Protein backbone atom coordinates (compact mmCIF):
# COMPACT_ATOMS: atom_id res chain seq x y z
CA UNK A 1 75.63 -37.21 9.04
CA UNK A 2 79.03 -36.49 10.58
CA UNK A 3 79.14 -37.25 14.29
CA UNK A 4 80.32 -34.34 16.42
CA UNK A 5 81.31 -33.82 20.04
CA UNK A 6 80.70 -30.93 22.41
CA UNK A 7 82.09 -29.83 25.76
CA UNK A 8 80.03 -27.62 28.06
CA UNK A 9 81.97 -25.60 30.61
CA UNK A 10 79.76 -24.51 33.50
CA UNK A 11 81.29 -21.38 34.99
CA UNK A 12 79.17 -21.19 38.12
CA UNK A 13 80.82 -20.05 41.35
CA UNK A 14 79.07 -22.86 43.23
CA UNK A 15 81.02 -26.10 43.76
CA UNK A 16 79.28 -29.45 43.47
CA UNK A 17 76.87 -30.65 44.71
CA UNK A 18 75.20 -27.24 45.00
CA UNK A 19 72.42 -26.64 42.49
CA UNK A 20 73.39 -24.36 39.60
CA UNK A 21 71.31 -22.44 37.10
CA UNK A 22 74.30 -22.41 34.77
CA UNK A 23 74.45 -26.19 34.94
CA UNK A 24 70.80 -26.44 34.00
CA UNK A 25 71.35 -24.28 30.92
CA UNK A 26 74.54 -26.14 29.99
CA UNK A 27 72.64 -29.43 30.20
CA UNK A 28 69.86 -27.99 28.04
CA UNK A 29 72.46 -27.04 25.44
CA UNK A 30 73.87 -30.57 25.42
CA UNK A 31 70.36 -32.02 25.10
CA UNK A 32 69.61 -29.71 22.17
CA UNK A 33 72.91 -30.59 20.50
CA UNK A 34 72.11 -34.29 20.92
CA UNK A 35 69.13 -33.73 18.61
CA UNK A 36 71.74 -32.96 15.92
CA UNK A 37 73.91 -36.05 16.49
CA UNK A 38 76.32 -34.27 18.83
CA UNK A 39 77.52 -36.15 21.91
CA UNK A 40 78.54 -34.05 24.85
CA UNK A 41 80.23 -33.83 28.22
CA UNK A 42 79.86 -31.31 31.04
CA UNK A 43 82.56 -29.87 33.31
CA UNK A 44 81.86 -27.67 36.34
CA UNK A 45 85.08 -25.68 36.24
CA UNK A 46 85.01 -24.54 39.87
CA UNK A 47 85.27 -28.18 40.98
CA UNK A 48 88.79 -28.24 39.54
CA UNK A 49 91.90 -26.35 40.66
CA UNK A 50 92.34 -24.23 37.55
CA UNK A 51 95.28 -21.96 38.30
CA UNK A 52 95.37 -18.32 37.21
CA UNK A 53 97.57 -17.57 34.23
CA UNK A 54 97.78 -17.52 30.47
CA UNK A 55 99.81 -20.67 29.86
CA UNK A 56 98.45 -24.07 28.87
CA UNK A 57 99.99 -25.58 32.02
CA UNK A 58 100.64 -23.47 35.13
CA UNK A 59 102.54 -26.19 36.91
CA UNK A 60 102.09 -28.40 39.93
CA UNK A 61 98.46 -29.06 40.77
CA UNK A 62 96.99 -27.18 37.81
CA UNK A 63 93.81 -28.90 36.63
CA UNK A 64 93.54 -26.96 33.37
CA UNK A 65 95.68 -29.31 31.22
CA UNK A 66 93.12 -32.11 31.66
CA UNK A 67 90.24 -29.78 30.80
CA UNK A 68 92.28 -28.40 27.91
CA UNK A 69 92.61 -31.90 26.47
CA UNK A 70 88.82 -32.14 26.42
CA UNK A 71 88.54 -28.67 24.85
CA UNK A 72 90.95 -29.59 22.06
CA UNK A 73 89.30 -32.92 21.34
CA UNK A 74 85.78 -31.54 20.84
CA UNK A 75 84.17 -29.76 17.92
CA UNK A 76 81.84 -27.43 19.84
CA UNK A 77 82.47 -25.51 23.06
CA UNK A 78 79.50 -24.44 25.16
CA UNK A 79 80.40 -21.73 27.67
CA UNK A 80 77.73 -20.91 30.25
CA UNK A 81 78.13 -18.32 32.98
CA UNK A 82 76.04 -16.69 35.68
CA UNK A 83 75.80 -12.92 35.96
CA UNK A 84 77.43 -11.23 38.94
CA UNK A 85 77.40 -7.45 39.30
CA UNK A 86 76.54 -7.19 35.62
CA UNK A 87 79.53 -9.26 34.48
CA UNK A 88 80.47 -12.84 33.70
CA UNK A 89 81.73 -14.89 36.62
CA UNK A 90 85.41 -14.85 37.56
CA UNK A 91 85.47 -18.51 36.54
CA UNK A 92 84.40 -17.61 32.99
CA UNK A 93 87.11 -14.97 32.83
CA UNK A 94 89.66 -17.52 34.00
CA UNK A 95 88.60 -19.90 31.24
CA UNK A 96 89.19 -17.16 28.66
CA UNK A 97 92.56 -16.36 30.20
CA UNK A 98 93.63 -19.99 30.00
CA UNK A 99 92.38 -20.27 26.41
CA UNK A 100 94.63 -17.31 25.57
CA UNK A 101 97.55 -19.77 25.56
CA UNK A 102 96.15 -21.35 22.41
CA UNK A 103 97.08 -18.25 20.39
CA UNK A 104 100.66 -19.54 20.35
CA UNK A 105 99.65 -23.07 19.27
CA UNK A 106 99.39 -23.87 15.56
CA UNK A 107 98.03 -26.74 13.53
CA UNK A 108 100.01 -28.36 10.74
CA UNK A 109 98.46 -25.95 8.23
CA UNK A 110 99.81 -22.97 10.17
CA UNK A 111 96.45 -21.82 11.53
CA UNK A 112 95.73 -21.41 15.25
CA UNK A 113 94.87 -24.72 16.89
CA UNK A 114 91.26 -23.70 17.62
CA UNK A 115 90.45 -22.77 14.01
CA UNK A 116 87.57 -24.86 12.75
CA UNK A 117 86.00 -25.23 16.19
CA UNK A 118 82.68 -23.61 17.09
CA UNK A 119 81.58 -21.94 20.33
CA UNK A 120 78.22 -20.91 21.75
CA UNK A 121 77.38 -18.96 24.90
CA UNK A 122 74.71 -19.10 27.60
CA UNK A 123 74.11 -16.52 30.33
CA UNK A 124 71.80 -16.70 33.35
CA UNK A 125 71.15 -14.23 36.13
CA UNK A 126 68.57 -12.27 38.07
CA UNK A 127 70.13 -8.96 37.08
CA UNK A 128 70.98 -7.12 33.86
CA UNK A 129 74.15 -7.76 31.88
CA UNK A 130 73.46 -10.65 29.51
CA UNK A 131 74.06 -8.74 26.27
CA UNK A 132 77.35 -7.28 27.43
CA UNK A 133 78.50 -10.62 28.84
CA UNK A 134 77.62 -12.38 25.61
CA UNK A 135 79.51 -9.77 23.57
CA UNK A 136 82.58 -10.08 25.81
CA UNK A 137 82.59 -13.87 25.61
CA UNK A 138 82.03 -13.88 21.85
CA UNK A 139 85.00 -11.55 21.40
CA UNK A 140 87.32 -13.55 23.64
CA UNK A 141 86.36 -16.87 22.06
CA UNK A 142 86.71 -15.49 18.55
CA UNK A 143 90.10 -13.98 19.40
CA UNK A 144 91.53 -17.40 20.19
CA UNK A 145 90.12 -18.96 17.02
CA UNK A 146 86.58 -20.13 17.67
CA UNK A 147 83.86 -19.42 15.14
CA UNK A 148 80.53 -18.17 16.51
CA UNK A 149 77.42 -19.32 14.62
CA UNK A 150 74.48 -17.10 13.74
CA UNK A 151 72.49 -16.36 16.91
CA UNK A 152 75.06 -18.39 18.80
CA UNK A 153 73.72 -18.02 22.31
CA UNK A 154 70.84 -17.60 24.68
CA UNK A 155 70.20 -15.98 28.04
CA UNK A 156 67.73 -15.56 30.83
CA UNK A 157 67.48 -12.50 33.08
CA UNK A 158 65.14 -12.59 36.03
CA UNK A 159 63.49 -9.55 37.52
CA UNK A 160 66.09 -7.11 38.85
CA UNK A 161 66.80 -7.25 42.59
CA UNK A 162 64.66 -10.35 43.09
CA UNK A 163 65.84 -13.80 44.11
CA UNK A 164 64.22 -16.11 41.57
CA UNK A 165 66.87 -18.12 39.71
CA UNK A 166 66.70 -19.86 36.36
CA UNK A 167 66.53 -23.27 38.03
CA UNK A 168 63.57 -22.09 40.14
CA UNK A 169 61.32 -21.61 37.10
CA UNK A 170 58.51 -24.08 36.50
CA UNK A 171 59.56 -24.18 32.84
CA UNK A 172 62.09 -22.48 30.61
CA UNK A 173 60.60 -19.41 28.88
CA UNK A 174 60.01 -20.08 25.19
CA UNK A 175 62.15 -17.14 24.08
CA UNK A 176 65.16 -18.55 25.95
CA UNK A 177 64.44 -22.12 24.85
CA UNK A 178 63.94 -21.28 21.18
CA UNK A 179 67.14 -19.21 21.09
CA UNK A 180 68.99 -22.13 22.70
CA UNK A 181 67.63 -24.58 20.13
CA UNK A 182 68.64 -22.25 17.29
CA UNK A 183 72.14 -21.83 18.72
CA UNK A 184 72.55 -25.60 19.01
CA UNK A 185 71.27 -26.26 15.48
CA UNK A 186 73.45 -23.53 13.99
CA UNK A 187 76.50 -24.70 15.94
CA UNK A 188 76.14 -28.26 14.68
CA UNK A 189 75.58 -27.06 11.11
CA UNK A 190 78.59 -24.74 11.24
CA UNK A 191 80.88 -27.36 12.78
CA UNK A 192 80.01 -29.80 10.00
CA UNK A 193 80.48 -27.12 7.34
CA UNK A 194 83.91 -26.23 8.71
CA UNK A 195 84.79 -29.91 8.81
CA UNK A 196 83.94 -30.26 5.14
CA UNK A 197 85.54 -26.96 4.08
CA UNK A 198 88.24 -25.88 6.53
CA UNK A 199 89.61 -22.36 6.68
CA UNK A 200 92.46 -21.81 4.19
CA UNK A 201 96.01 -22.39 5.39
């Protein structure tokens, strides 16, 4: 079985060492991917000075180039965001904006540099919005070249206007957990399939 790598980007607004529901879900994704011979790493984006912009390097002090190197060297991207006011976090939007630079980068076969890579999405929050957020992230990731597997994401929404967070639960609800496992399995399968049969030049 082909060994694969994954990078999980946690788009919480909370800097380390604060607890993060998004980090819990990102870790669960990496654990599920490990069951399919995928090794992974986790980055809490807010801990790094990722500058605003749509270039691969926004100059002095920009932390994105280092994260970008990890993005480009992995087969599967896991993007996990909390829900704020019904939308993905500003950090998640910044990640998409920085990935926009990859539209101008090509591989030797002439395809965009992210062709052949797979992305999955996770959303947590104690308010509505998960379906819209997932759709928005799928579209942005696909625009820059990622392929989204069947049922390529999971989410958890707590009761509206209450304060229970995903990390407060005694256990992950089976619906969320089973969707996460399916997304991980499908992502690993798709990444291997694309490795064996790349998109045409």
